[in-house]
Amino acid sequence: MPYPRLSLAALAVALPAAALAGCGDDGAVTGPPPLTTTGTTATTTTTPRPRRPRVVTPAGPARLRGEVVRGRGFRFRVDPGVVDSTKRFRRVIAPPQKLLVGLAQQTGDVGLIGISIRPFGDLVDVGDRLSMRTEAVEGLRGLGGKSVRGLPDARLGGQRAYRAESLGRFESQKVLVIRYLVARGDRLLTIDGLVPSRSRAAAEALLRTIVRSWRWTGRG
């Protein structure tokens, strides 16, 4: 299907970035029936308590509190001067992506960060590293990015993150986008950092605190 160019709306959509619907404890728990006694003999029957399912898909909106962002299933820190811009991004983001949080540097559009989630869609084998690397690159290329290329893999909360970068436009500025793509459960978590320059060092610095401090909390 056709993809928009890297305009304000397109980049906010690109801020998928990616993470994910939460799993709770949806099993019923049945307690033991009352104790029955016949003469001197008593019997008790207890239904085993079901095991709590493993949380694999953190989801839901995140909230910035001071310099800590907390969402359902994850948390991370941001540098001083980063403010919540979720409402701004949410006005232009389109399904099937779900924006978890949008962040911006207080000085303006010097640095922008978007964290979103989306279903795997047509990604055939999420366990295939080649497929994931291709998804990271093609996701930016499909949104109109130029000079798109893959970057070395990284770790996000102990989990492999596939990376790519591209040049594009955000409003009237030329921007560099660095994307982190993580498979979790049946969704893709995407973290996009944007800076108005060709400096990868500047984009990496924008994301460094988030990536280093990211923790999966096990709640979803």
C-alpha atoms as a PDB file:
ATOM      1  CA  MET A   1       0.000   0.000   0.000  1.00  0.00           C
ATOM      2  CA  PRO A   2       1.255   3.570  -0.536  1.00  0.00           C
ATOM      3  CA  TYR A   3       3.138   5.232   2.278  1.00  0.00           C
ATOM      4  CA  PRO A   4       3.158   8.969   3.147  1.00  0.00           C
ATOM      5  CA  ARG A   5       6.298  11.004   2.941  1.00  0.00           C
ATOM      6  CA  LEU A   6       8.194  11.992   6.065  1.00  0.00           C
ATOM      7  CA  SER A   7       5.959  14.944   6.841  1.00  0.00           C
ATOM      8  CA  LEU A   8       4.729  15.865  10.343  1.00  0.00           C
ATOM      9  CA  ALA A   9       1.980  13.259  10.163  1.00  0.00           C
ATOM     10  CA  ALA A  10       4.160  10.618   8.536  1.00  0.00           C
ATOM     11  CA  LEU A  11       6.933  10.919  11.080  1.00  0.00           C
ATOM     12  CA  ALA A  12       4.506  10.816  13.943  1.00  0.00           C
ATOM     13  CA  VAL A  13       3.139   7.633  12.404  1.00  0.00           C
ATOM     14  CA  ALA A  14       6.706   6.451  12.065  1.00  0.00           C
ATOM     15  CA  LEU A  15       7.026   6.988  15.756  1.00  0.00           C
ATOM     16  CA  PRO A  16       5.714   3.623  16.166  1.00  0.00           C
ATOM     17  CA  ALA A  17       7.447   2.774  17.930  1.00  0.00           C
ATOM     18  CA  ALA A  18       6.875  -0.300  18.697  1.00  0.00           C
ATOM     19  CA  ALA A  19       5.173  -2.452  22.684  1.00  0.00           C
ATOM     20  CA  LEU A  20       2.594  -3.902  23.154  1.00  0.00           C
ATOM     21  CA  ALA A  21      -0.723  -5.266  24.479  1.00  0.00           C
ATOM     22  CA  GLY A  22      -0.634  -6.494  28.026  1.00  0.00           C
ATOM     23  CA  CYS A  23      -1.622  -9.835  29.330  1.00  0.00           C
ATOM     24  CA  GLY A  24      -3.251 -10.069  32.706  1.00  0.00           C
ATOM     25  CA  ASP A  25      -4.501 -12.905  34.867  1.00  0.00           C
ATOM     26  CA  ASP A  26      -7.734 -13.777  33.132  1.00  0.00           C
ATOM     27  CA  GLY A  27      -8.157 -17.260  34.546  1.00  0.00           C
ATOM     28  CA  ALA A  28     -10.789 -17.976  37.168  1.00  0.00           C
ATOM     29  CA  VAL A  29      -9.724 -19.146  40.607  1.00  0.00           C
ATOM     30  CA  THR A  30     -11.878 -21.677  42.403  1.00  0.00           C
ATOM     31  CA  GLY A  31     -11.388 -22.050  46.119  1.00  0.00           C
ATOM     32  CA  PRO A  32     -11.894 -25.239  48.119  1.00  0.00           C
ATOM     33  CA  PRO A  33     -15.418 -26.444  48.894  1.00  0.00           C
ATOM     34  CA  PRO A  34     -16.542 -26.443  52.513  1.00  0.00           C
ATOM     35  CA  LEU A  35     -15.155 -29.113  54.828  1.00  0.00           C
ATOM     36  CA  THR A  36     -17.479 -32.102  55.153  1.00  0.00           C
ATOM     37  CA  THR A  37     -17.433 -34.470  58.094  1.00  0.00           C
ATOM     38  CA  THR A  38     -19.049 -37.863  58.426  1.00  0.00           C
ATOM     39  CA  GLY A  39     -18.515 -39.356  61.837  1.00  0.00           C
ATOM     40  CA  THR A  40     -14.798 -39.016  62.516  1.00  0.00           C
ATOM     41  CA  THR A  41     -13.743 -38.817  58.815  1.00  0.00           C
ATOM     42  CA  ALA A  42     -13.238 -35.465  57.088  1.00  0.00           C
ATOM     43  CA  THR A  43     -12.387 -34.895  53.424  1.00  0.00           C
ATOM     44  CA  THR A  44     -11.274 -31.702  51.701  1.00  0.00           C
ATOM     45  CA  THR A  45     -11.108 -31.154  47.937  1.00  0.00           C
ATOM     46  CA  THR A  46      -9.256 -28.148  46.503  1.00  0.00           C
ATOM     47  CA  THR A  47      -9.126 -27.078  42.876  1.00  0.00           C
ATOM     48  CA  PRO A  48      -5.493 -26.226  41.979  1.00  0.00           C
ATOM     49  CA  ARG A  49      -4.846 -22.489  41.568  1.00  0.00           C
ATOM     50  CA  PRO A  50      -4.131 -21.710  37.902  1.00  0.00           C
ATOM     51  CA  ARG A  51      -0.673 -20.447  37.023  1.00  0.00           C
ATOM     52  CA  ARG A  52      -0.406 -16.762  36.204  1.00  0.00           C
ATOM     53  CA  PRO A  53       0.444 -16.324  32.505  1.00  0.00           C
ATOM     54  CA  ARG A  54       3.800 -14.776  31.654  1.00  0.00           C
ATOM     55  CA  VAL A  55       3.533 -11.113  30.749  1.00  0.00           C
ATOM     56  CA  VAL A  56       4.979 -10.723  27.266  1.00  0.00           C
ATOM     57  CA  THR A  57       3.266  -7.705  25.738  1.00  0.00           C
ATOM     58  CA  PRO A  58       3.515  -4.463  27.732  1.00  0.00           C
ATOM     59  CA  ALA A  59       0.956  -1.919  26.577  1.00  0.00           C
ATOM     60  CA  GLY A  60      -1.026   1.132  27.414  1.00  0.00           C
ATOM     61  CA  PRO A  61      -0.104   4.796  27.598  1.00  0.00           C
ATOM     62  CA  ALA A  62       3.021   5.832  29.476  1.00  0.00           C
ATOM     63  CA  ARG A  63       3.332   8.762  31.850  1.00  0.00           C
ATOM     64  CA  LEU A  64       6.259  11.100  32.439  1.00  0.00           C
ATOM     65  CA  ARG A  65       6.825  11.794  36.130  1.00  0.00           C
ATOM     66  CA  GLY A  66       9.821  14.007  36.750  1.00  0.00           C
ATOM     67  CA  GLU A  67      12.558  12.315  34.755  1.00  0.00           C
ATOM     68  CA  VAL A  68      11.010   8.827  34.801  1.00  0.00           C
ATOM     69  CA  VAL A  69       8.539   7.423  32.270  1.00  0.00           C
ATOM     70  CA  ARG A  70       6.360   4.579  33.495  1.00  0.00           C
ATOM     71  CA  GLY A  71       4.132   2.485  31.272  1.00  0.00           C
ATOM     72  CA  ARG A  72       2.365  -0.836  31.598  1.00  0.00           C
ATOM     73  CA  GLY A  73       5.208  -3.313  31.548  1.00  0.00           C
ATOM     74  CA  PHE A  74       8.172  -0.946  31.264  1.00  0.00           C
ATOM     75  CA  ARG A  75       9.902   2.087  32.687  1.00  0.00           C
ATOM     76  CA  PHE A  76      12.882   4.251  31.727  1.00  0.00           C
ATOM     77  CA  ARG A  77      14.554   7.554  32.496  1.00  0.00           C
ATOM     78  CA  VAL A  78      14.917  10.651  30.347  1.00  0.00           C
ATOM     79  CA  ASP A  79      17.376  13.508  30.505  1.00  0.00           C
ATOM     80  CA  PRO A  80      16.475  16.818  32.213  1.00  0.00           C
ATOM     81  CA  GLY A  81      14.545  19.144  29.930  1.00  0.00           C
ATOM     82  CA  VAL A  82      12.542  16.400  28.185  1.00  0.00           C
ATOM     83  CA  VAL A  83       8.794  17.058  28.278  1.00  0.00           C
ATOM     84  CA  ASP A  84       5.679  15.029  27.508  1.00  0.00           C
ATOM     85  CA  SER A  85       4.432  15.611  23.946  1.00  0.00           C
ATOM     86  CA  THR A  86       2.123  12.604  23.731  1.00  0.00           C
ATOM     87  CA  LYS A  87      -1.011  14.617  22.939  1.00  0.00           C
ATOM     88  CA  ARG A  88       0.745  16.355  20.084  1.00  0.00           C
ATOM     89  CA  PHE A  89       1.837  13.090  18.496  1.00  0.00           C
ATOM     90  CA  ARG A  90      -1.466  11.365  19.157  1.00  0.00           C
ATOM     91  CA  ARG A  91      -3.339  13.954  17.086  1.00  0.00           C
ATOM     92  CA  VAL A  92      -1.602  12.765  13.926  1.00  0.00           C
ATOM     93  CA  ILE A  93      -0.767   9.104  14.540  1.00  0.00           C
ATOM     94  CA  ALA A  94      -2.884   6.609  12.610  1.00  0.00           C
ATOM     95  CA  PRO A  95      -3.974   2.998  13.253  1.00  0.00           C
ATOM     96  CA  PRO A  96      -2.880   0.269  13.515  1.00  0.00           C
ATOM     97  CA  GLN A  97      -0.116   1.883  15.558  1.00  0.00           C
ATOM     98  CA  LYS A  98      -0.689   2.819  19.166  1.00  0.00           C
ATOM     99  CA  LEU A  99       1.354   5.644  20.605  1.00  0.00           C
ATOM    100  CA  LEU A 100       2.672   4.909  24.070  1.00  0.00           C
ATOM    101  CA  VAL A 101       4.448   8.194  24.659  1.00  0.00           C
ATOM    102  CA  GLY A 102       5.797  11.147  22.706  1.00  0.00           C
ATOM    103  CA  LEU A 103       8.663  13.168  24.157  1.00  0.00           C
ATOM    104  CA  ALA A 104      10.377  16.377  23.127  1.00  0.00           C
ATOM    105  CA  GLN A 105      13.212  18.516  24.382  1.00  0.00           C
ATOM    106  CA  GLN A 106      11.913  21.594  26.132  1.00  0.00           C
ATOM    107  CA  THR A 107      13.879  23.852  23.790  1.00  0.00           C
ATOM    108  CA  GLY A 108      11.636  22.854  20.873  1.00  0.00           C
ATOM    109  CA  ASP A 109      12.089  20.416  18.022  1.00  0.00           C
ATOM    110  CA  VAL A 110      15.804  20.008  18.645  1.00  0.00           C
ATOM    111  CA  GLY A 111      15.126  16.429  19.637  1.00  0.00           C
ATOM    112  CA  LEU A 112      11.951  14.353  19.376  1.00  0.00           C
ATOM    113  CA  ILE A 113      11.256  10.820  20.593  1.00  0.00           C
ATOM    114  CA  GLY A 114       8.249   8.659  19.810  1.00  0.00           C
ATOM    115  CA  ILE A 115       7.504   5.238  21.265  1.00  0.00           C
ATOM    116  CA  SER A 116       4.711   3.210  19.694  1.00  0.00           C
ATOM    117  CA  ILE A 117       3.454  -0.312  19.123  1.00  0.00           C
ATOM    118  CA  ARG A 118       1.905  -2.165  16.216  1.00  0.00           C
ATOM    119  CA  PRO A 119       0.997  -5.727  15.231  1.00  0.00           C
ATOM    120  CA  PHE A 120       3.469  -7.861  13.327  1.00  0.00           C
ATOM    121  CA  GLY A 121       1.260  -7.703  10.245  1.00  0.00           C
ATOM    122  CA  ASP A 122       3.036  -9.284   7.289  1.00  0.00           C
ATOM    123  CA  LEU A 123       6.284  -9.993   9.127  1.00  0.00           C
ATOM    124  CA  VAL A 124       6.592 -13.722   8.489  1.00  0.00           C
ATOM    125  CA  ASP A 125       9.006 -14.949  11.122  1.00  0.00           C
ATOM    126  CA  VAL A 126       9.693 -12.646  14.023  1.00  0.00           C
ATOM    127  CA  GLY A 127      12.383 -15.045  15.229  1.00  0.00           C
ATOM    128  CA  ASP A 128      14.337 -14.568  12.007  1.00  0.00           C
ATOM    129  CA  ARG A 129      16.997 -11.907  12.518  1.00  0.00           C
ATOM    130  CA  LEU A 130      17.131 -11.170   8.805  1.00  0.00           C
ATOM    131  CA  SER A 131      13.388 -10.514   8.768  1.00  0.00           C
ATOM    132  CA  MET A 132      13.649  -8.157  11.722  1.00  0.00           C
ATOM    133  CA  ARG A 133      16.591  -6.245  10.281  1.00  0.00           C
ATOM    134  CA  THR A 134      14.720  -5.941   6.998  1.00  0.00           C
ATOM    135  CA  GLU A 135      11.636  -4.703   8.843  1.00  0.00           C
ATOM    136  CA  ALA A 136      13.649  -2.015  10.623  1.00  0.00           C
ATOM    137  CA  VAL A 137      15.131  -0.752   7.352  1.00  0.00           C
ATOM    138  CA  GLU A 138      12.086  -1.116   5.118  1.00  0.00           C
ATOM    139  CA  GLY A 139       9.842   0.515   7.709  1.00  0.00           C
ATOM    140  CA  LEU A 140      11.806   3.753   7.352  1.00  0.00           C
ATOM    141  CA  ARG A 141      12.188   3.432   3.586  1.00  0.00           C
ATOM    142  CA  GLY A 142       8.455   2.897   3.177  1.00  0.00           C
ATOM    143  CA  LEU A 143       7.823   6.171   4.995  1.00  0.00           C
ATOM    144  CA  GLY A 144       9.894   8.085   2.495  1.00  0.00           C
ATOM    145  CA  GLY A 145      13.239   8.052   4.269  1.00  0.00           C
ATOM    146  CA  LYS A 146      16.397   8.653   2.248  1.00  0.00           C
ATOM    147  CA  SER A 147      19.823   7.096   2.724  1.00  0.00           C
ATOM    148  CA  VAL A 148      18.232   4.342   4.792  1.00  0.00           C
ATOM    149  CA  ARG A 149      20.633   1.796   6.241  1.00  0.00           C
ATOM    150  CA  GLY A 150      20.815  -0.735   9.013  1.00  0.00           C
ATOM    151  CA  LEU A 151      22.888  -0.171  12.152  1.00  0.00           C
ATOM    152  CA  PRO A 152      24.468  -2.707  14.516  1.00  0.00           C
ATOM    153  CA  ASP A 153      22.034  -4.428  16.873  1.00  0.00           C
ATOM    154  CA  ALA A 154      21.678  -3.158  20.431  1.00  0.00           C
ATOM    155  CA  ARG A 155      20.031  -4.295  23.663  1.00  0.00           C
ATOM    156  CA  LEU A 156      16.917  -2.829  25.226  1.00  0.00           C
ATOM    157  CA  GLY A 157      16.215  -4.096  28.719  1.00  0.00           C
ATOM    158  CA  GLY A 158      18.242  -7.210  27.951  1.00  0.00           C
ATOM    159  CA  GLN A 159      16.335  -7.882  24.728  1.00  0.00           C
ATOM    160  CA  ARG A 160      17.704  -7.616  21.199  1.00  0.00           C
ATOM    161  CA  ALA A 161      16.845  -4.376  19.409  1.00  0.00           C
ATOM    162  CA  TYR A 162      17.231  -4.049  15.637  1.00  0.00           C
ATOM    163  CA  ARG A 163      18.286  -0.604  14.433  1.00  0.00           C
ATOM    164  CA  ALA A 164      18.171   1.519  11.310  1.00  0.00           C
ATOM    165  CA  GLU A 165      18.603   5.171  10.372  1.00  0.00           C
ATOM    166  CA  SER A 166      17.353   7.438   7.603  1.00  0.00           C
ATOM    167  CA  LEU A 167      17.244  11.061   6.496  1.00  0.00           C
ATOM    168  CA  GLY A 168      13.919  12.787   6.021  1.00  0.00           C
ATOM    169  CA  ARG A 169      11.990  15.965   6.722  1.00  0.00           C
ATOM    170  CA  PHE A 170       9.998  17.012   9.765  1.00  0.00           C
ATOM    171  CA  GLU A 171       8.015  20.160   9.134  1.00  0.00           C
ATOM    172  CA  SER A 172      10.578  22.454   7.494  1.00  0.00           C
ATOM    173  CA  GLN A 173      13.674  20.749   8.881  1.00  0.00           C
ATOM    174  CA  LYS A 174      15.889  18.012   7.567  1.00  0.00           C
ATOM    175  CA  VAL A 175      16.094  15.327  10.221  1.00  0.00           C
ATOM    176  CA  LEU A 176      17.997  12.174  10.991  1.00  0.00           C
ATOM    177  CA  VAL A 177      15.854   9.353  12.370  1.00  0.00           C
ATOM    178  CA  ILE A 178      17.293   6.461  14.362  1.00  0.00           C
ATOM    179  CA  ARG A 179      14.911   3.584  14.975  1.00  0.00           C
ATOM    180  CA  TYR A 180      15.029   0.806  17.569  1.00  0.00           C
ATOM    181  CA  LEU A 181      12.744  -2.133  16.754  1.00  0.00           C
ATOM    182  CA  VAL A 182      11.987  -4.804  19.365  1.00  0.00           C
ATOM    183  CA  ALA A 183       9.729  -7.858  19.012  1.00  0.00           C
ATOM    184  CA  ARG A 184       7.734  -8.545  22.150  1.00  0.00           C
ATOM    185  CA  GLY A 185       4.787 -10.896  22.332  1.00  0.00           C
ATOM    186  CA  ASP A 186       2.850 -10.470  19.093  1.00  0.00           C
ATOM    187  CA  ARG A 187       3.703  -6.792  18.668  1.00  0.00           C
ATOM    188  CA  LEU A 188       6.558  -4.585  17.557  1.00  0.00           C
ATOM    189  CA  LEU A 189       7.870  -1.893  19.871  1.00  0.00           C
ATOM    190  CA  THR A 190       9.458   1.004  17.999  1.00  0.00           C
ATOM    191  CA  ILE A 191      11.489   3.816  19.491  1.00  0.00           C
ATOM    192  CA  ASP A 192      12.344   6.636  17.081  1.00  0.00           C
ATOM    193  CA  GLY A 193      14.715   9.471  17.895  1.00  0.00           C
ATOM    194  CA  LEU A 194      14.789  12.521  15.576  1.00  0.00           C
ATOM    195  CA  VAL A 195      17.355  15.296  15.437  1.00  0.00           C
ATOM    196  CA  PRO A 196      17.579  18.084  12.814  1.00  0.00           C
ATOM    197  CA  SER A 197      21.004  17.131  11.518  1.00  0.00           C
ATOM    198  CA  ARG A 198      23.014  14.384   9.863  1.00  0.00           C
ATOM    199  CA  SER A 199      24.824  13.690  13.128  1.00  0.00           C
ATOM    200  CA  ARG A 200      24.247  10.136  14.277  1.00  0.00           C
ATOM    201  CA  ALA A 201      26.100  11.018  17.493  1.00  0.00           C
ATOM    202  CA  ALA A 202      23.425  13.619  18.312  1.00  0.00           C
ATOM    203  CA  ALA A 203      20.599  11.153  17.692  1.00  0.00           C
ATOM    204  CA  GLU A 204      22.307   8.448  19.729  1.00  0.00           C
ATOM    205  CA  ALA A 205      22.840  10.914  22.580  1.00  0.00           C
ATOM    206  CA  LEU A 206      19.127  11.750  22.514  1.00  0.00           C
ATOM    207  CA  LEU A 207      18.255   8.077  23.004  1.00  0.00           C
ATOM    208  CA  ARG A 208      21.173   6.999  25.193  1.00  0.00           C
ATOM    209  CA  THR A 209      19.559   7.506  28.614  1.00  0.00           C
ATOM    210  CA  ILE A 210      16.345   5.791  27.512  1.00  0.00           C
ATOM    211  CA  VAL A 211      18.117   2.765  26.075  1.00  0.00           C
ATOM    212  CA  ARG A 212      20.473   2.323  29.031  1.00  0.00           C
ATOM    213  CA  SER A 213      17.767   2.731  31.671  1.00  0.00           C
ATOM    214  CA  TRP A 214      14.974   0.725  29.986  1.00  0.00           C
ATOM    215  CA  ARG A 215      13.509  -2.006  32.187  1.00  0.00           C
ATOM    216  CA  TRP A 216      10.730  -4.492  31.539  1.00  0.00           C
ATOM    217  CA  THR A 217       8.785  -4.481  34.771  1.00  0.00           C
ATOM    218  CA  GLY A 218       6.710  -7.625  34.183  1.00  0.00           C
ATOM    219  CA  ARG A 219       3.384  -5.836  34.501  1.00  0.00           C
ATOM    220  CA  GLY A 220       1.053  -5.716  31.555  1.00  0.00           C
END
